[in-house]
Amino acid sequence: MAHAHAVRIRPRVKHGKRASDAGRERAASLIAAANAAEKGISKEHADRLFRRIAASSPLPMGKLRAELIPDSTWKRAGKTLGPQASQTVARLEHVLSFATSIWENESAAARWLNRPHMELRGATPISLLKTEAGGRAVESVLAALEYGFPV
């Protein structure tokens, strides 16, 4: 019987960056994401983000987007997504930025988001970004990776 194993991608460990600098950058990214979500994120912006991530995903772009924002919500939205969908997109953008800062490569960060991780009970990080609690769990794993803690 074959067992599915989570693929582990090792980030580049940055020794030169101070923890306070990384924390400030992450806080600025989070604040920017929250401000964007409050105003409402355009479908065009969200579409570009999903396309970038789908380039490294085994799922087609539409299915990847539907995993986070239901088709009915996407179709019902005008040019700007509603509050909940905007928060989800902002969360995704923030986590992608955080992961990119660790791997120093957006493509590698997107691949990590799309692969199961054992610290997330075998779930893909991107699948957990539907909720704030899931986003926090993904951020915790990223923080552990950033500082070289075993995960």
C-alpha atoms as a PDB file:
ATOM      1  CA  MET A   1       0.000   0.000   0.000  1.00  0.00           C
ATOM      2  CA  ALA A   2       1.489   3.318  -1.037  1.00  0.00           C
ATOM      3  CA  HIS A   3       1.540   6.157   1.443  1.00  0.00           C
ATOM      4  CA  ALA A   4       1.301   9.791   0.466  1.00  0.00           C
ATOM      5  CA  HIS A   5       4.090  11.846   1.987  1.00  0.00           C
ATOM      6  CA  ALA A   6       4.231  15.569   2.252  1.00  0.00           C
ATOM      7  CA  VAL A   7       6.964  17.068   0.136  1.00  0.00           C
ATOM      8  CA  ARG A   8       9.296  19.237   2.187  1.00  0.00           C
ATOM      9  CA  ILE A   9      10.849  22.212   0.531  1.00  0.00           C
ATOM     10  CA  ARG A  10      13.704  23.737   2.495  1.00  0.00           C
ATOM     11  CA  PRO A  11      13.893  27.523   2.529  1.00  0.00           C
ATOM     12  CA  ARG A  12      17.143  29.386   2.338  1.00  0.00           C
ATOM     13  CA  VAL A  13      18.143  30.340   5.853  1.00  0.00           C
ATOM     14  CA  LYS A  14      18.989  34.010   6.123  1.00  0.00           C
ATOM     15  CA  HIS A  15      21.581  34.723   8.730  1.00  0.00           C
ATOM     16  CA  GLY A  16      22.160  38.402   8.024  1.00  0.00           C
ATOM     17  CA  LYS A  17      18.642  39.716   8.618  1.00  0.00           C
ATOM     18  CA  ARG A  18      17.715  40.841  12.091  1.00  0.00           C
ATOM     19  CA  ALA A  19      14.539  39.455  13.612  1.00  0.00           C
ATOM     20  CA  SER A  20      13.229  42.970  14.278  1.00  0.00           C
ATOM     21  CA  ASP A  21      13.632  43.902  10.584  1.00  0.00           C
ATOM     22  CA  ALA A  22      11.754  40.798   9.454  1.00  0.00           C
ATOM     23  CA  GLY A  23       9.012  41.480  12.006  1.00  0.00           C
ATOM     24  CA  ARG A  24       8.636  45.081  10.844  1.00  0.00           C
ATOM     25  CA  GLU A  25       8.409  43.985   7.198  1.00  0.00           C
ATOM     26  CA  ARG A  26       5.776  41.386   8.069  1.00  0.00           C
ATOM     27  CA  ALA A  27       3.778  43.909  10.095  1.00  0.00           C
ATOM     28  CA  ALA A  28       3.881  46.407   7.214  1.00  0.00           C
ATOM     29  CA  SER A  29       2.709  43.698   4.804  1.00  0.00           C
ATOM     30  CA  LEU A  30      -0.131  42.742   7.133  1.00  0.00           C
ATOM     31  CA  ILE A  31      -1.235  46.363   7.575  1.00  0.00           C
ATOM     32  CA  ALA A  32      -1.187  46.932   3.814  1.00  0.00           C
ATOM     33  CA  ALA A  33      -3.232  43.770   3.286  1.00  0.00           C
ATOM     34  CA  ALA A  34      -5.781  44.812   5.931  1.00  0.00           C
ATOM     35  CA  ASN A  35      -6.150  48.276   4.397  1.00  0.00           C
ATOM     36  CA  ALA A  36      -6.662  46.805   0.932  1.00  0.00           C
ATOM     37  CA  ALA A  37      -9.264  44.349   2.225  1.00  0.00           C
ATOM     38  CA  GLU A  38     -11.143  47.102   4.039  1.00  0.00           C
ATOM     39  CA  LYS A  39     -11.497  49.089   0.809  1.00  0.00           C
ATOM     40  CA  GLY A  40     -12.332  45.984  -1.201  1.00  0.00           C
ATOM     41  CA  ILE A  41      -9.931  44.274  -3.567  1.00  0.00           C
ATOM     42  CA  SER A  42     -10.578  44.433  -7.274  1.00  0.00           C
ATOM     43  CA  LYS A  43     -11.346  41.199  -9.081  1.00  0.00           C
ATOM     44  CA  GLU A  44      -8.637  42.123 -11.570  1.00  0.00           C
ATOM     45  CA  HIS A  45      -6.010  42.306  -8.799  1.00  0.00           C
ATOM     46  CA  ALA A  46      -7.230  39.025  -7.271  1.00  0.00           C
ATOM     47  CA  ASP A  47      -7.209  37.347 -10.688  1.00  0.00           C
ATOM     48  CA  ARG A  48      -3.556  38.354 -11.259  1.00  0.00           C
ATOM     49  CA  LEU A  49      -2.613  36.985  -7.824  1.00  0.00           C
ATOM     50  CA  PHE A  50      -4.369  33.658  -8.450  1.00  0.00           C
ATOM     51  CA  ARG A  51      -2.684  33.361 -11.878  1.00  0.00           C
ATOM     52  CA  ARG A  52       0.759  33.860 -10.320  1.00  0.00           C
ATOM     53  CA  ILE A  53       0.122  31.152  -7.757  1.00  0.00           C
ATOM     54  CA  ALA A  54      -1.562  28.781 -10.223  1.00  0.00           C
ATOM     55  CA  ALA A  55       1.592  28.818 -12.359  1.00  0.00           C
ATOM     56  CA  SER A  56       3.166  26.576  -9.666  1.00  0.00           C
ATOM     57  CA  SER A  57       0.039  24.633  -8.763  1.00  0.00           C
ATOM     58  CA  PRO A  58      -1.196  21.253  -9.928  1.00  0.00           C
ATOM     59  CA  LEU A  59      -4.704  22.794  -9.936  1.00  0.00           C
ATOM     60  CA  PRO A  60      -5.947  24.962 -12.786  1.00  0.00           C
ATOM     61  CA  MET A  61      -6.391  28.631 -11.902  1.00  0.00           C
ATOM     62  CA  GLY A  62     -10.202  28.446 -11.676  1.00  0.00           C
ATOM     63  CA  LYS A  63     -10.169  25.504  -9.264  1.00  0.00           C
ATOM     64  CA  LEU A  64      -7.434  27.091  -7.185  1.00  0.00           C
ATOM     65  CA  ARG A  65      -9.452  30.301  -6.885  1.00  0.00           C
ATOM     66  CA  ALA A  66     -12.662  28.375  -6.149  1.00  0.00           C
ATOM     67  CA  GLU A  67     -10.896  26.611  -3.277  1.00  0.00           C
ATOM     68  CA  LEU A  68     -10.670  29.997  -1.528  1.00  0.00           C
ATOM     69  CA  ILE A  69     -13.518  31.990  -3.061  1.00  0.00           C
ATOM     70  CA  PRO A  70     -16.623  30.066  -4.163  1.00  0.00           C
ATOM     71  CA  ASP A  71     -17.638  30.457  -7.807  1.00  0.00           C
ATOM     72  CA  SER A  72     -20.982  31.958  -6.803  1.00  0.00           C
ATOM     73  CA  THR A  73     -19.260  34.676  -4.740  1.00  0.00           C
ATOM     74  CA  TRP A  74     -16.789  35.389  -7.547  1.00  0.00           C
ATOM     75  CA  LYS A  75     -19.554  35.672 -10.166  1.00  0.00           C
ATOM     76  CA  ARG A  76     -21.805  37.780  -7.940  1.00  0.00           C
ATOM     77  CA  ALA A  77     -19.090  40.330  -7.199  1.00  0.00           C
ATOM     78  CA  GLY A  78     -18.898  43.324  -9.480  1.00  0.00           C
ATOM     79  CA  LYS A  79     -15.505  44.860 -10.144  1.00  0.00           C
ATOM     80  CA  THR A  80     -14.662  44.741  -6.433  1.00  0.00           C
ATOM     81  CA  LEU A  81     -14.836  41.709  -4.160  1.00  0.00           C
ATOM     82  CA  GLY A  82     -16.934  41.828  -1.010  1.00  0.00           C
ATOM     83  CA  PRO A  83     -15.402  42.082   2.478  1.00  0.00           C
ATOM     84  CA  GLN A  84     -14.949  38.357   3.160  1.00  0.00           C
ATOM     85  CA  ALA A  85     -13.487  37.556  -0.276  1.00  0.00           C
ATOM     86  CA  SER A  86     -11.255  40.642  -0.051  1.00  0.00           C
ATOM     87  CA  GLN A  87      -9.945  39.473   3.335  1.00  0.00           C
ATOM     88  CA  THR A  88      -9.187  36.052   1.867  1.00  0.00           C
ATOM     89  CA  VAL A  89      -7.269  37.584  -1.051  1.00  0.00           C
ATOM     90  CA  ALA A  90      -5.403  39.931   1.302  1.00  0.00           C
ATOM     91  CA  ARG A  91      -4.505  36.973   3.530  1.00  0.00           C
ATOM     92  CA  LEU A  92      -3.219  35.051   0.505  1.00  0.00           C
ATOM     93  CA  GLU A  93      -1.192  38.028  -0.695  1.00  0.00           C
ATOM     94  CA  HIS A  94       0.332  38.533   2.764  1.00  0.00           C
ATOM     95  CA  VAL A  95       1.258  34.853   3.178  1.00  0.00           C
ATOM     96  CA  LEU A  96       2.717  34.730  -0.350  1.00  0.00           C
ATOM     97  CA  SER A  97       4.824  37.791   0.488  1.00  0.00           C
ATOM     98  CA  PHE A  98       5.987  36.189   3.748  1.00  0.00           C
ATOM     99  CA  ALA A  99       6.853  32.898   2.010  1.00  0.00           C
ATOM    100  CA  THR A 100       8.633  34.756  -0.797  1.00  0.00           C
ATOM    101  CA  SER A 101      10.775  36.591   1.756  1.00  0.00           C
ATOM    102  CA  ILE A 102      11.848  33.215   3.154  1.00  0.00           C
ATOM    103  CA  TRP A 103      12.553  31.460  -0.141  1.00  0.00           C
ATOM    104  CA  GLU A 104      13.640  34.627  -1.955  1.00  0.00           C
ATOM    105  CA  ASN A 105      11.704  33.354  -4.963  1.00  0.00           C
ATOM    106  CA  GLU A 106       7.973  33.720  -5.580  1.00  0.00           C
ATOM    107  CA  SER A 107       7.765  30.553  -7.646  1.00  0.00           C
ATOM    108  CA  ALA A 108       9.286  28.444  -4.839  1.00  0.00           C
ATOM    109  CA  ALA A 109       6.977  30.139  -2.328  1.00  0.00           C
ATOM    110  CA  ALA A 110       3.922  29.363  -4.492  1.00  0.00           C
ATOM    111  CA  ARG A 111       5.023  25.724  -4.808  1.00  0.00           C
ATOM    112  CA  TRP A 112       5.251  25.541  -1.005  1.00  0.00           C
ATOM    113  CA  LEU A 113       1.732  26.967  -0.689  1.00  0.00           C
ATOM    114  CA  ASN A 114       0.392  24.261  -3.011  1.00  0.00           C
ATOM    115  CA  ARG A 115       1.999  21.232  -1.357  1.00  0.00           C
ATOM    116  CA  PRO A 116       0.785  19.336   1.717  1.00  0.00           C
ATOM    117  CA  HIS A 117       2.685  20.079   4.898  1.00  0.00           C
ATOM    118  CA  MET A 118       2.822  17.702   7.836  1.00  0.00           C
ATOM    119  CA  GLU A 119       2.780  20.555  10.372  1.00  0.00           C
ATOM    120  CA  LEU A 120      -0.620  21.484   8.913  1.00  0.00           C
ATOM    121  CA  ARG A 121      -1.899  17.905   9.291  1.00  0.00           C
ATOM    122  CA  GLY A 122      -1.236  17.158   5.637  1.00  0.00           C
ATOM    123  CA  ALA A 123      -3.236  20.116   4.346  1.00  0.00           C
ATOM    124  CA  THR A 124      -1.837  22.476   1.757  1.00  0.00           C
ATOM    125  CA  PRO A 125      -1.085  25.910   3.202  1.00  0.00           C
ATOM    126  CA  ILE A 126      -3.235  27.579   0.532  1.00  0.00           C
ATOM    127  CA  SER A 127      -6.291  25.500   1.505  1.00  0.00           C
ATOM    128  CA  LEU A 128      -6.138  26.900   5.053  1.00  0.00           C
ATOM    129  CA  LEU A 129      -6.208  30.532   3.963  1.00  0.00           C
ATOM    130  CA  LYS A 130     -10.015  30.556   3.756  1.00  0.00           C
ATOM    131  CA  THR A 131     -10.130  31.496   7.428  1.00  0.00           C
ATOM    132  CA  GLU A 132      -8.171  33.814   9.678  1.00  0.00           C
ATOM    133  CA  ALA A 133      -7.345  30.920  12.019  1.00  0.00           C
ATOM    134  CA  GLY A 134      -5.995  28.907   9.081  1.00  0.00           C
ATOM    135  CA  GLY A 135      -3.951  31.895   7.963  1.00  0.00           C
ATOM    136  CA  ARG A 136      -2.437  32.158  11.441  1.00  0.00           C
ATOM    137  CA  ALA A 137      -1.511  28.463  11.382  1.00  0.00           C
ATOM    138  CA  VAL A 138       0.255  28.934   8.033  1.00  0.00           C
ATOM    139  CA  GLU A 139       2.042  32.044   9.353  1.00  0.00           C
ATOM    140  CA  SER A 140       3.219  30.056  12.397  1.00  0.00           C
ATOM    141  CA  VAL A 141       4.796  27.418  10.160  1.00  0.00           C
ATOM    142  CA  LEU A 142       6.420  30.135   8.048  1.00  0.00           C
ATOM    143  CA  ALA A 143       7.780  31.858  11.160  1.00  0.00           C
ATOM    144  CA  ALA A 144       9.274  28.554  12.329  1.00  0.00           C
ATOM    145  CA  LEU A 145      10.883  28.075   8.916  1.00  0.00           C
ATOM    146  CA  GLU A 146      12.178  31.642   8.892  1.00  0.00           C
ATOM    147  CA  TYR A 147      13.967  31.226  12.202  1.00  0.00           C
ATOM    148  CA  GLY A 148      15.239  27.716  11.524  1.00  0.00           C
ATOM    149  CA  PHE A 149      13.004  25.870  13.985  1.00  0.00           C
ATOM    150  CA  PRO A 150      12.323  22.249  13.043  1.00  0.00           C
ATOM    151  CA  VAL A 151       9.048  21.737  11.223  1.00  0.00           C
END
